[in-house]
Protein backbone atom coordinates (compact mmCIF):
# COMPACT_ATOMS: atom_id res chain seq x y z
CA MET A 1 8.24 50.32 -31.29
CA ALA A 2 5.77 50.90 -34.13
CA ALA A 3 4.51 47.28 -33.79
CA ARG A 4 3.99 47.94 -30.09
CA LEU A 5 2.16 51.24 -30.83
CA SER A 6 -0.10 49.30 -32.98
CA CYS A 7 -1.60 47.76 -30.16
CA VAL A 8 -2.57 51.02 -28.58
CA VAL A 9 -4.31 51.92 -31.95
CA TRP A 10 -6.39 48.63 -31.89
CA PHE A 11 -7.13 49.19 -28.11
CA VAL A 12 -8.68 52.81 -28.73
CA LEU A 13 -10.56 51.40 -31.52
CA ALA A 14 -11.91 48.63 -29.47
CA CYS A 15 -12.80 50.87 -26.53
CA ALA A 16 -14.39 53.32 -28.63
CA SER A 17 -16.49 50.96 -30.50
CA LEU A 18 -17.57 49.08 -27.53
CA TRP A 19 -18.64 52.20 -25.81
CA TYR A 20 -20.82 53.49 -28.83
CA ALA A 21 -22.00 50.03 -29.39
CA SER A 22 -23.45 49.97 -25.69
CA TYR A 23 -24.61 53.60 -25.78
CA ARG A 24 -26.64 52.76 -28.99
CA LEU A 25 -28.05 49.56 -27.63
CA ALA A 26 -28.84 51.01 -24.19
CA ARG A 27 -30.54 54.41 -25.46
CA ARG A 28 -33.45 52.30 -27.23
CA GLU A 29 -36.81 52.45 -25.87
CA ASP A 30 -37.15 48.80 -25.29
CA ALA A 31 -33.91 48.80 -23.22
CA GLN A 32 -35.12 51.43 -20.59
CA PRO A 33 -35.49 50.60 -17.21
CA VAL A 34 -39.10 50.52 -15.51
CA VAL A 35 -40.74 53.84 -15.70
CA PHE A 36 -41.79 55.10 -12.39
CA VAL A 37 -45.49 56.33 -11.70
CA PHE A 38 -44.31 59.65 -10.61
CA GLY A 39 -41.35 60.29 -12.91
CA GLY A 40 -37.73 60.40 -11.93
CA GLU A 41 -36.32 57.77 -14.11
CA ALA A 42 -33.27 58.42 -16.22
CA GLN A 43 -33.39 60.17 -19.84
CA PRO A 44 -32.60 57.39 -22.46
CA ARG A 45 -29.61 59.40 -23.48
CA ASP A 46 -28.19 59.67 -19.85
CA TYR A 47 -29.10 56.00 -19.32
CA GLY A 48 -27.14 55.08 -22.45
CA ARG A 49 -24.17 56.82 -21.41
CA MET A 50 -24.23 55.36 -18.13
CA LEU A 51 -24.55 51.84 -19.34
CA ALA A 52 -21.90 52.45 -22.00
CA ASP A 53 -19.54 53.68 -19.00
CA VAL A 54 -20.31 50.33 -17.25
CA ALA A 55 -19.61 48.19 -20.18
CA LEU A 56 -16.27 49.95 -20.99
CA LEU A 57 -15.26 49.85 -17.31
CA LEU A 58 -16.06 46.12 -16.93
CA PHE A 59 -14.05 45.64 -20.24
CA LEU A 60 -11.07 47.34 -18.99
CA GLY A 61 -11.24 45.29 -15.60
CA THR A 62 -11.48 41.91 -17.41
CA VAL A 63 -8.47 39.75 -16.57
CA GLY A 64 -8.11 38.19 -20.04
CA VAL A 65 -7.78 41.85 -21.58
CA VAL A 66 -5.26 42.79 -19.13
CA LEU A 67 -3.04 39.83 -19.87
CA ARG A 68 -3.32 39.81 -23.64
CA LEU A 69 -3.81 43.32 -25.19
CA HIS A 70 -0.10 44.36 -23.84
CA LEU A 71 1.30 41.76 -26.18
CA THR A 72 2.40 42.51 -29.63
CA THR A 73 0.09 39.88 -31.24
CA VAL A 74 -2.81 39.88 -33.73
CA ASP A 75 -5.33 39.45 -30.75
CA ALA A 76 -5.68 43.15 -30.15
CA ALA A 77 -6.74 43.69 -33.93
CA ALA A 78 -9.13 40.75 -33.85
CA MET A 79 -10.82 42.05 -30.58
CA ALA A 80 -11.09 45.56 -32.01
CA PHE A 81 -12.83 44.41 -35.13
CA ILE A 82 -15.17 42.32 -32.94
CA CYS A 83 -16.19 45.67 -31.02
CA PHE A 84 -16.47 47.42 -34.21
CA GLY A 85 -18.69 44.84 -35.63
CA LEU A 86 -21.04 45.00 -32.42
CA PHE A 87 -20.97 48.80 -33.01
CA ALA A 88 -21.99 48.20 -36.70
CA ALA A 89 -24.84 45.81 -35.82
CA ALA A 90 -26.05 48.38 -33.15
CA PHE A 91 -25.85 51.27 -35.79
CA ALA A 92 -27.82 49.03 -38.41
CA LEU A 93 -30.60 49.46 -36.07
CA ASP A 94 -31.20 52.99 -37.00
CA ARG A 95 -29.44 52.91 -40.43
CA PRO A 96 -29.43 49.42 -41.84
CA TRP A 97 -27.45 50.15 -45.06
CA GLN A 98 -24.62 52.19 -43.33
CA GLY A 99 -24.67 49.56 -40.67
CA ALA A 100 -24.43 46.73 -43.23
CA THR A 101 -21.52 48.48 -44.87
CA LEU A 102 -19.53 48.73 -41.48
CA LEU A 103 -20.40 45.34 -40.56
CA GLY A 104 -18.97 43.97 -43.68
CA LEU A 105 -15.57 45.68 -43.06
CA ALA A 106 -15.55 44.20 -39.34
CA VAL A 107 -15.92 40.87 -40.85
CA ALA A 108 -13.14 41.39 -43.35
CA GLY A 109 -10.89 42.71 -40.59
CA VAL A 110 -11.57 39.57 -38.56
CA ALA A 111 -10.68 37.45 -41.52
CA LEU A 112 -7.52 39.35 -42.37
CA SER A 113 -6.36 39.22 -38.94
CA ARG A 114 -7.34 35.74 -37.70
CA GLY A 115 -7.89 33.77 -40.90
CA PRO A 116 -10.85 32.72 -42.95
CA THR A 117 -12.29 30.46 -40.37
CA ALA A 118 -12.58 33.16 -37.74
CA GLY A 119 -14.18 35.48 -40.37
CA LEU A 120 -16.63 32.86 -41.22
CA TRP A 121 -17.77 32.42 -37.80
CA THR A 122 -17.95 36.33 -37.24
CA LEU A 123 -20.04 36.72 -40.29
CA LEU A 124 -22.24 33.94 -39.04
CA ALA A 125 -22.68 35.40 -35.67
CA LEU A 126 -22.85 38.96 -36.51
CA GLY A 127 -24.76 38.39 -39.73
CA THR A 128 -27.45 36.14 -38.03
CA ALA A 129 -27.76 39.11 -35.30
CA PHE A 130 -28.29 41.79 -38.27
CA VAL A 131 -31.01 39.68 -39.94
CA LEU A 132 -32.72 38.93 -36.97
CA THR A 133 -32.97 42.53 -35.73
CA GLN A 134 -34.09 43.91 -39.29
CA GLU A 135 -37.36 44.02 -40.97
CA GLY A 136 -38.76 43.12 -44.16
CA HIS A 137 -36.72 42.94 -47.60
CA ARG A 138 -34.00 44.96 -45.81
CA ARG A 139 -32.64 42.09 -43.85
CA TRP A 140 -31.86 39.87 -46.82
CA LEU A 141 -30.56 42.83 -49.08
CA GLY A 142 -28.70 44.01 -46.09
CA ALA A 143 -27.24 40.57 -45.42
CA LEU A 144 -26.03 40.36 -49.01
CA LEU A 145 -24.43 43.76 -48.73
CA VAL A 146 -22.52 42.55 -45.63
CA VAL A 147 -21.24 39.31 -47.61
CA ALA A 148 -20.27 41.51 -50.67
CA ILE A 149 -18.44 44.31 -48.58
CA ALA A 150 -16.50 41.55 -46.65
CA ALA A 151 -15.47 39.68 -49.64
CA ALA A 152 -14.39 42.76 -51.55
CA ALA A 153 -12.44 43.92 -48.62
CA VAL A 154 -10.71 40.59 -48.02
CA ALA A 155 -9.98 40.27 -51.64
CA VAL A 156 -7.80 43.38 -51.61
CA TRP A 157 -4.98 41.65 -49.86
CA PRO A 158 -4.37 38.53 -52.06
CA LEU A 159 -5.11 40.75 -55.34
CA GLY A 160 -2.61 43.28 -54.19
CA ALA A 161 -0.15 40.86 -53.07
CA GLN A 162 -0.44 38.91 -56.41
CA ALA A 163 0.01 42.03 -58.27
CA GLY A 164 3.04 43.13 -56.45
CA ALA A 165 4.67 39.73 -55.75
CA PRO A 166 3.39 37.49 -58.77
CA ARG A 167 6.15 34.76 -57.90
CA SER A 168 4.43 34.18 -54.62
CA PRO A 169 2.36 30.70 -55.09
CA LEU A 170 4.22 28.90 -52.39
CA TYR A 171 3.24 31.83 -49.74
CA PHE A 172 -0.64 31.62 -50.73
CA GLU A 173 -0.30 27.73 -50.63
CA ALA A 174 1.11 27.83 -47.13
CA TRP A 175 -1.52 30.28 -46.16
CA ARG A 176 -4.34 27.88 -47.24
CA ASN A 177 -2.86 24.90 -45.59
CA TRP A 178 -2.55 27.02 -42.32
CA ALA A 179 -6.25 28.10 -42.89
CA ARG A 180 -7.37 24.55 -43.22
CA SER A 181 -5.42 23.43 -40.02
CA THR A 182 -6.90 25.95 -37.91
CA ALA A 183 -10.42 24.53 -38.76
CA ALA A 184 -10.52 21.28 -36.59
CA LEU A 185 -12.58 19.94 -33.78
CA ALA A 186 -11.32 20.69 -30.31
CA GLY A 187 -10.18 17.34 -28.35
CA ARG A 188 -10.58 16.40 -24.99
CA VAL A 189 -7.43 18.12 -23.76
CA ASP A 190 -8.63 21.42 -25.47
CA LEU A 191 -11.97 20.98 -23.82
CA VAL A 192 -10.32 20.78 -20.46
CA TRP A 193 -8.09 23.67 -21.12
CA MET A 194 -11.01 25.75 -22.01
CA ALA A 195 -12.97 24.82 -18.94
CA ARG A 196 -9.95 25.62 -16.93
CA ASN A 197 -9.25 29.00 -18.59
CA LEU A 198 -12.24 30.36 -19.82
CA PRO A 199 -13.89 31.51 -16.27
CA TRP A 200 -10.32 33.44 -15.52
CA ALA A 201 -10.06 34.97 -19.02
CA THR A 202 -13.58 36.46 -18.90
CA TRP A 203 -13.73 37.33 -15.05
CA PRO A 204 -15.56 39.29 -13.92
CA LEU A 205 -17.85 39.46 -16.95
CA TRP A 206 -19.52 36.01 -17.06
CA PRO A 207 -21.26 36.33 -13.47
CA PHE A 208 -22.92 39.73 -14.65
CA ALA A 209 -23.74 38.25 -18.07
CA GLY A 210 -25.43 35.31 -16.33
CA TRP A 211 -27.29 37.58 -14.03
CA ALA A 212 -28.45 39.69 -17.27
CA LEU A 213 -29.90 36.58 -18.84
CA TYR A 214 -32.08 36.04 -15.72
CA ALA A 215 -33.19 39.45 -15.00
CA TRP A 216 -34.08 40.15 -18.72
CA ARG A 217 -35.19 36.55 -19.42
CA HIS A 218 -38.70 37.76 -20.56
CA GLY A 219 -37.13 40.06 -23.26
CA LEU A 220 -34.12 38.01 -24.72
CA GLY A 221 -35.42 38.57 -27.99
CA ARG A 222 -34.88 42.43 -27.94
CA PRO A 223 -31.95 43.78 -30.03
CA HIS A 224 -30.03 45.21 -26.76
CA LEU A 225 -29.60 41.43 -25.65
CA LEU A 226 -30.22 39.44 -28.67
CA ILE A 227 -27.16 41.02 -30.58
CA PRO A 228 -24.52 40.55 -27.86
CA LEU A 229 -26.03 37.10 -26.71
CA LEU A 230 -26.12 35.66 -30.27
CA THR A 231 -22.60 36.99 -30.83
CA ALA A 232 -21.26 35.46 -27.77
CA ALA A 233 -22.93 32.21 -28.18
CA LEU A 234 -21.50 31.62 -31.65
CA LEU A 235 -18.10 32.90 -30.91
CA LEU A 236 -17.97 30.38 -27.88
CA LEU A 237 -19.22 27.67 -30.42
CA PHE A 238 -16.34 28.53 -32.84
CA THR A 239 -13.89 27.95 -30.19
CA PHE A 240 -14.84 24.15 -30.31
CA PHE A 241 -13.94 24.14 -33.81
CA THR A 242 -10.71 25.69 -34.12
CA GLN A 243 -6.89 24.72 -33.24
CA PRO A 244 -4.76 25.46 -31.53
CA ILE A 245 -6.91 26.56 -28.49
CA SER A 246 -5.30 29.59 -26.86
CA ASP A 247 -5.97 32.73 -24.93
CA GLY A 248 -6.18 34.63 -28.24
CA VAL A 249 -9.10 32.45 -29.26
CA LEU A 250 -11.03 33.43 -26.25
CA MET A 251 -10.66 37.05 -26.46
CA PRO A 252 -13.37 37.74 -29.01
CA LEU A 253 -15.88 36.65 -26.25
CA VAL A 254 -14.87 39.52 -24.15
CA PRO A 255 -16.82 42.27 -26.06
CA PRO A 256 -20.21 40.92 -26.31
CA LEU A 257 -20.01 39.59 -22.74
CA ALA A 258 -19.01 43.07 -21.58
CA ILE A 259 -22.13 44.36 -23.10
CA LEU A 260 -24.42 41.72 -21.45
CA ALA A 261 -22.68 42.22 -18.17
CA ALA A 262 -23.45 45.91 -18.28
CA PHE A 263 -27.16 45.14 -18.70
CA GLY A 264 -26.86 42.75 -15.76
CA ALA A 265 -24.76 45.18 -13.38
CA VAL A 266 -27.44 47.85 -13.60
CA THR A 267 -30.19 45.51 -12.43
CA LEU A 268 -28.41 44.13 -9.32
CA ARG A 269 -29.90 45.19 -5.82
CA ARG A 270 -27.80 47.17 -3.42
CA GLY A 271 -26.90 44.32 -1.37
CA SER A 272 -25.35 42.52 -4.24
CA GLU A 273 -23.54 45.69 -5.41
CA ASN A 274 -21.95 46.03 -2.19
CA THR A 275 -20.87 42.54 -1.99
CA ILE A 276 -19.23 42.95 -5.50
CA ASP A 277 -17.60 46.14 -4.44
CA TRP A 278 -15.87 44.79 -1.46
CA PHE A 279 -14.68 41.72 -3.22
CA ALA A 280 -12.90 43.87 -5.86
CA ILE A 281 -11.45 46.10 -2.97
CA VAL A 282 -10.12 42.93 -0.94
CA VAL A 283 -8.91 41.08 -3.90
CA PHE A 284 -6.97 43.78 -5.50
CA THR A 285 -5.57 45.15 -2.45
CA PHE A 286 -4.44 41.78 -1.38
CA LEU A 287 -2.76 41.05 -4.81
CA ALA A 288 -1.16 44.51 -4.58
CA LEU A 289 0.46 43.75 -1.32
CA VAL A 290 1.61 40.51 -2.58
CA VAL A 291 3.41 42.16 -5.48
CA TRP A 292 5.25 44.87 -3.18
CA ALA A 293 6.16 42.08 -0.75
CA TYR A 294 7.87 40.06 -3.73
CA PHE A 295 9.65 43.18 -4.90
CA ILE A 296 10.92 44.13 -1.60
CA ALA A 297 12.07 40.65 -0.96
CA ALA A 298 13.78 40.63 -4.47
CA GLN A 299 15.71 43.69 -3.28
CA THR A 300 16.40 43.26 0.50
CA GLY A 301 16.27 39.54 0.70
CA THR A 302 13.65 39.83 3.34
CA PRO A 303 11.26 37.70 3.97
CA PRO A 304 13.63 34.85 2.89
CA LYS A 305 11.03 32.47 1.29
CA MET A 306 9.89 35.35 -0.97
CA ALA A 307 13.32 36.15 -1.97
CA ALA A 308 14.12 32.52 -2.81
CA SER A 309 11.13 32.57 -5.16
CA MET A 310 12.24 35.37 -6.83
CA ARG A 311 15.93 33.95 -7.10
CA ARG A 312 14.21 30.93 -8.68
CA LEU A 313 12.47 32.87 -11.14
CA SER A 314 15.43 35.02 -12.27
CA GLY A 315 18.56 33.32 -11.11
CA ASP A 316 21.21 35.42 -10.19
CA PHE A 317 19.59 38.72 -11.92
CA ASP A 318 19.75 41.91 -9.58
CA ALA A 319 17.33 44.43 -10.96
CA PRO A 320 18.74 47.98 -10.66
CA LEU A 321 16.22 50.07 -8.31
CA THR A 322 15.40 53.15 -10.84
CA ILE A 323 13.29 55.88 -9.90
CA LEU A 324 10.95 56.17 -12.71
CA PRO A 325 9.49 52.67 -12.44
CA LEU A 326 9.38 52.85 -8.56
CA GLY A 327 7.72 56.21 -9.02
CA VAL A 328 4.88 54.93 -11.32
CA ALA A 329 4.21 51.86 -9.15
CA ALA A 330 3.86 54.08 -6.08
CA LEU A 331 1.59 56.47 -7.95
CA ALA A 332 -0.51 53.60 -8.98
CA THR A 333 -0.88 52.43 -5.59
CA ILE A 334 -1.86 55.65 -4.10
CA ALA A 335 -4.29 56.25 -6.76
CA TRP A 336 -5.89 52.92 -6.00
CA LEU A 337 -5.95 53.65 -2.35
CA ALA A 338 -7.60 56.94 -2.95
CA LEU A 339 -10.35 55.10 -5.24
CA VAL A 340 -11.01 52.71 -2.18
CA ILE A 341 -11.08 55.50 0.11
CA TRP A 342 -13.75 57.48 -2.17
CA ARG A 343 -15.79 54.31 -2.11
CA ILE A 344 -15.61 53.62 1.58
CA LEU A 345 -16.34 57.04 2.96
CA LEU A 346 -18.41 58.77 0.38
CA ARG A 347 -20.47 55.59 -0.54
CA PRO A 348 -21.22 57.04 -3.98
CA PRO A 349 -24.62 56.11 -5.51
CA MET A 350 -23.36 55.78 -9.11
CA LEU A 351 -24.08 52.49 -10.71
CA TRP A 352 -20.70 52.41 -12.28
CA ARG A 353 -18.84 52.41 -9.01
CA GLY A 354 -18.44 48.63 -9.00
CA ALA A 355 -17.00 48.64 -12.71
CA MET A 356 -14.83 51.54 -11.70
CA LEU A 357 -13.33 49.58 -8.86
CA ALA A 358 -12.74 46.50 -11.32
CA ALA A 359 -11.08 48.54 -13.97
CA GLY A 360 -9.02 50.51 -11.50
CA GLY A 361 -7.71 47.54 -9.61
CA ALA A 362 -6.85 45.78 -12.74
CA THR A 363 -4.94 48.82 -14.17
CA MET A 364 -3.18 49.33 -10.72
CA LEU A 365 -2.16 45.74 -10.70
CA TRP A 366 -0.87 45.55 -14.22
CA LEU A 367 1.09 48.57 -13.70
CA LEU A 368 2.65 47.22 -10.54
CA LEU A 369 3.62 44.14 -12.45
CA ALA A 370 4.84 45.98 -15.45
CA THR A 371 7.12 48.31 -13.36
CA LEU A 372 8.19 45.93 -10.46
CA ILE A 373 8.22 42.44 -11.53
CA LEU A 374 8.60 42.48 -15.25
CA PRO A 375 12.41 42.95 -15.19
CA TYR A 376 12.64 39.53 -13.33
CA PHE A 377 10.32 37.89 -15.81
CA ASN A 378 12.16 39.54 -18.65
CA HIS A 379 15.39 38.21 -17.62
CA ASN A 380 14.06 34.73 -17.31
CA ARG A 381 12.09 34.65 -20.66
CA SER A 382 13.80 37.28 -22.88
CA TYR A 383 15.97 36.29 -25.79
CA THR A 384 18.01 39.32 -25.57
CA VAL A 385 21.23 37.78 -23.76
CA LEU A 386 21.04 34.43 -25.67
CA ALA A 387 20.83 36.39 -29.04
CA ARG A 388 23.56 38.66 -28.11
CA ASP A 389 25.63 35.82 -27.41
CA VAL A 390 25.06 34.08 -30.63
CA ALA A 391 25.52 37.14 -32.55
CA ALA A 392 28.91 37.92 -30.86
CA ARG A 393 30.11 34.36 -31.60
CA ALA A 394 28.98 34.44 -35.30
CA ARG A 395 30.94 37.90 -35.78
CA GLN A 396 34.13 36.37 -34.02
CA ILE A 397 33.89 33.45 -36.39
CA ALA A 398 32.56 34.90 -39.77
CA GLY A 399 32.63 38.56 -39.51
CA ASP A 400 30.02 41.08 -39.29
CA LYS A 401 28.09 40.66 -42.26
CA ALA A 402 27.93 36.68 -42.52
CA CYS A 403 24.53 35.20 -42.93
CA ILE A 404 23.09 32.31 -40.86
CA GLN A 405 21.09 29.50 -41.91
CA ALA A 406 18.19 28.79 -39.80
CA HIS A 407 17.57 25.17 -38.93
CA ARG A 408 14.52 24.13 -37.03
CA LEU A 409 13.78 27.68 -35.85
CA GLN A 410 10.33 28.89 -35.83
CA PRO A 411 9.60 32.17 -37.35
CA GLY A 412 9.10 33.70 -34.16
CA HIS A 413 12.72 32.68 -33.10
CA ARG A 414 14.14 34.09 -36.12
CA ALA A 415 12.31 37.48 -35.55
CA LEU A 416 13.80 37.56 -31.83
CA PHE A 417 17.16 36.59 -32.89
CA ALA A 418 17.18 39.04 -35.92
CA PHE A 419 15.77 42.05 -33.53
CA TYR A 420 17.96 41.34 -30.33
CA GLY A 421 21.16 40.22 -32.05
CA PRO A 422 20.94 41.65 -34.72
CA ILE A 423 21.35 38.43 -36.64
CA ARG A 424 20.64 38.09 -40.41
CA PHE A 425 19.33 35.15 -41.54
CA GLY A 426 19.49 33.82 -45.18
CA ARG A 427 20.50 31.00 -47.38
CA ASP A 428 23.50 32.42 -49.18
CA VAL A 429 25.44 35.60 -49.87
CA ASP A 430 26.44 36.40 -53.44
CA GLY A 431 25.93 32.60 -54.64
CA GLU A 432 28.13 31.36 -51.64
CA PRO A 433 26.22 29.33 -49.06
CA CYS A 434 25.73 30.81 -45.33
CA PRO A 435 29.16 29.83 -43.49
CA LEU A 436 27.06 29.47 -40.09
CA ALA A 437 23.90 27.65 -39.14
CA LEU A 438 21.75 28.15 -35.96
CA HIS A 439 19.98 24.87 -34.71
CA ARG A 440 17.08 24.52 -32.24
CA ASP A 441 16.88 21.08 -30.63
CA SER A 442 13.86 20.58 -28.52
CA GLN A 443 13.99 17.46 -25.92
CA ARG A 444 10.16 17.19 -26.31
CA THR A 445 10.38 15.70 -29.68
CA ALA A 446 12.94 13.63 -31.73
CA LEU A 447 12.00 15.36 -35.05
CA ASP A 448 14.58 18.15 -34.69
CA ASP A 449 17.46 16.37 -33.42
CA GLU A 450 19.55 16.00 -36.54
CA PRO A 451 22.04 18.64 -37.33
CA PRO A 452 21.95 20.54 -40.84
CA LEU A 453 22.64 18.79 -43.96
CA GLY A 454 26.26 18.85 -44.78
CA GLN A 455 29.58 18.93 -43.22
CA TRP A 456 29.10 21.20 -39.87
CA THR A 457 31.20 21.76 -36.66
CA LEU A 458 29.77 22.71 -33.49
CA VAL A 459 31.15 26.00 -32.30
CA TRP A 460 28.76 27.15 -29.70
CA GLU A 461 25.87 25.81 -27.54
CA GLY A 462 23.44 27.51 -25.16
CA ASN A 463 19.81 27.49 -23.48
CA TRP A 464 17.12 29.89 -23.19
CA PRO A 465 16.71 30.33 -19.21
CA ALA A 466 12.82 29.65 -19.43
CA ARG A 467 13.21 26.41 -21.22
CA ALA A 468 15.89 24.11 -20.02
CA ASP A 469 14.50 21.34 -22.43
CA GLU A 470 15.42 23.69 -25.51
CA THR A 471 19.30 23.80 -26.78
CA LEU A 472 20.34 26.09 -29.37
CA ARG A 473 23.65 25.20 -31.36
CA LEU A 474 25.52 27.08 -33.48
CA TYR A 475 27.45 25.11 -36.50
CA ARG A 476 30.18 26.53 -38.53
CA ARG A 477 30.36 25.07 -42.18
CA ALA A 478 33.24 22.70 -43.07
CA VAL A 479 35.86 24.38 -45.44
CA ARG A 480 36.53 22.20 -48.58
């Protein structure tokens, strides 16, 4: 639970940093809209708040954010530090030295969460934006301060680890090897994957961001556009020089694109705004109906085809009908319908209404999936049942305190079995070797087919429901 709550902390930091970064950029004089002859234009403070609201709502409505930030991974921390770095670059426009200090801490956070390669690219992106938006000797002295602060903050971890655990050279060697392996040129398969997934991961930001580049094409050198544009461009270039390519690698692109999208959204004409509003209403309402239809089919068996699809997803699992998740899903749907009615009947003039519809629709859809469909996904993909079966068999054979040797198990597998079992992995107890060994054999490769070294007897075999091509085998050591 503590690990899950950490994602909430990073999410709050990301949202706050993105809002204040957008606000500081939008309230600048060169970011203001056209001044009317007879007055009536928004004040810089009000305009900055409005645009920051749009940026945050678009960020919350982004598909990639909805899909990734609920996972207990490092992606939430990396995105939060990117947002914090954008705020630091915007803050440096008014206070260079304080901004440079915060920028160094942001770069260090990315390096500590995503590795040195990601940290160097972040330093290149945000550091270049800092240098190009400063004047005189402050740009180079500030850049040196950014590098010094980042290096000092990153060094705290290895120095502290070395002082606390001096016998850990193998760990640092493994970390260096991993860091070197991530710095690799993307191949053809990676490029195809990016072309297929990048538009969805950054939807609906990239259409607004592209329009911003066109609408502000004569002022791309201004800080409110240069900082997010340069950051997004260099972070996109970073994805071509990293391995492996995944959704998490694309997430740092979202914060700068959200700021650009906000500047693009406020320049749209009324007809375009209405089209985008109706697109969000139609798409999210349709998806909500689909989720409810599949849930009802799973509970009642009607319509038969949808019920068959749910059975293929979860097998013989019959999710209990509980009041709390059903109530949350109903309230989310009612709130979405109220938001749609507010848009249709009142026709609000606020510029952030389209972003509000995107954020509201994404939030509603996430709540429906989490409350109605997630139990079926969990039954198919969770390691809970499998880990408990292994643990029960191990206790039956060797007792409650016996250790199990992990053979061909990834660290993630060991963590899941240790948590859900609970299973205690180790090499020996009181000098005696572990009596059991858990082996993972994947049919996709022949490199993990051999059993553990020594004399072993197979005592249990099972599969993870989501991967029929993976077999888990429990072995008992032969008694001499």
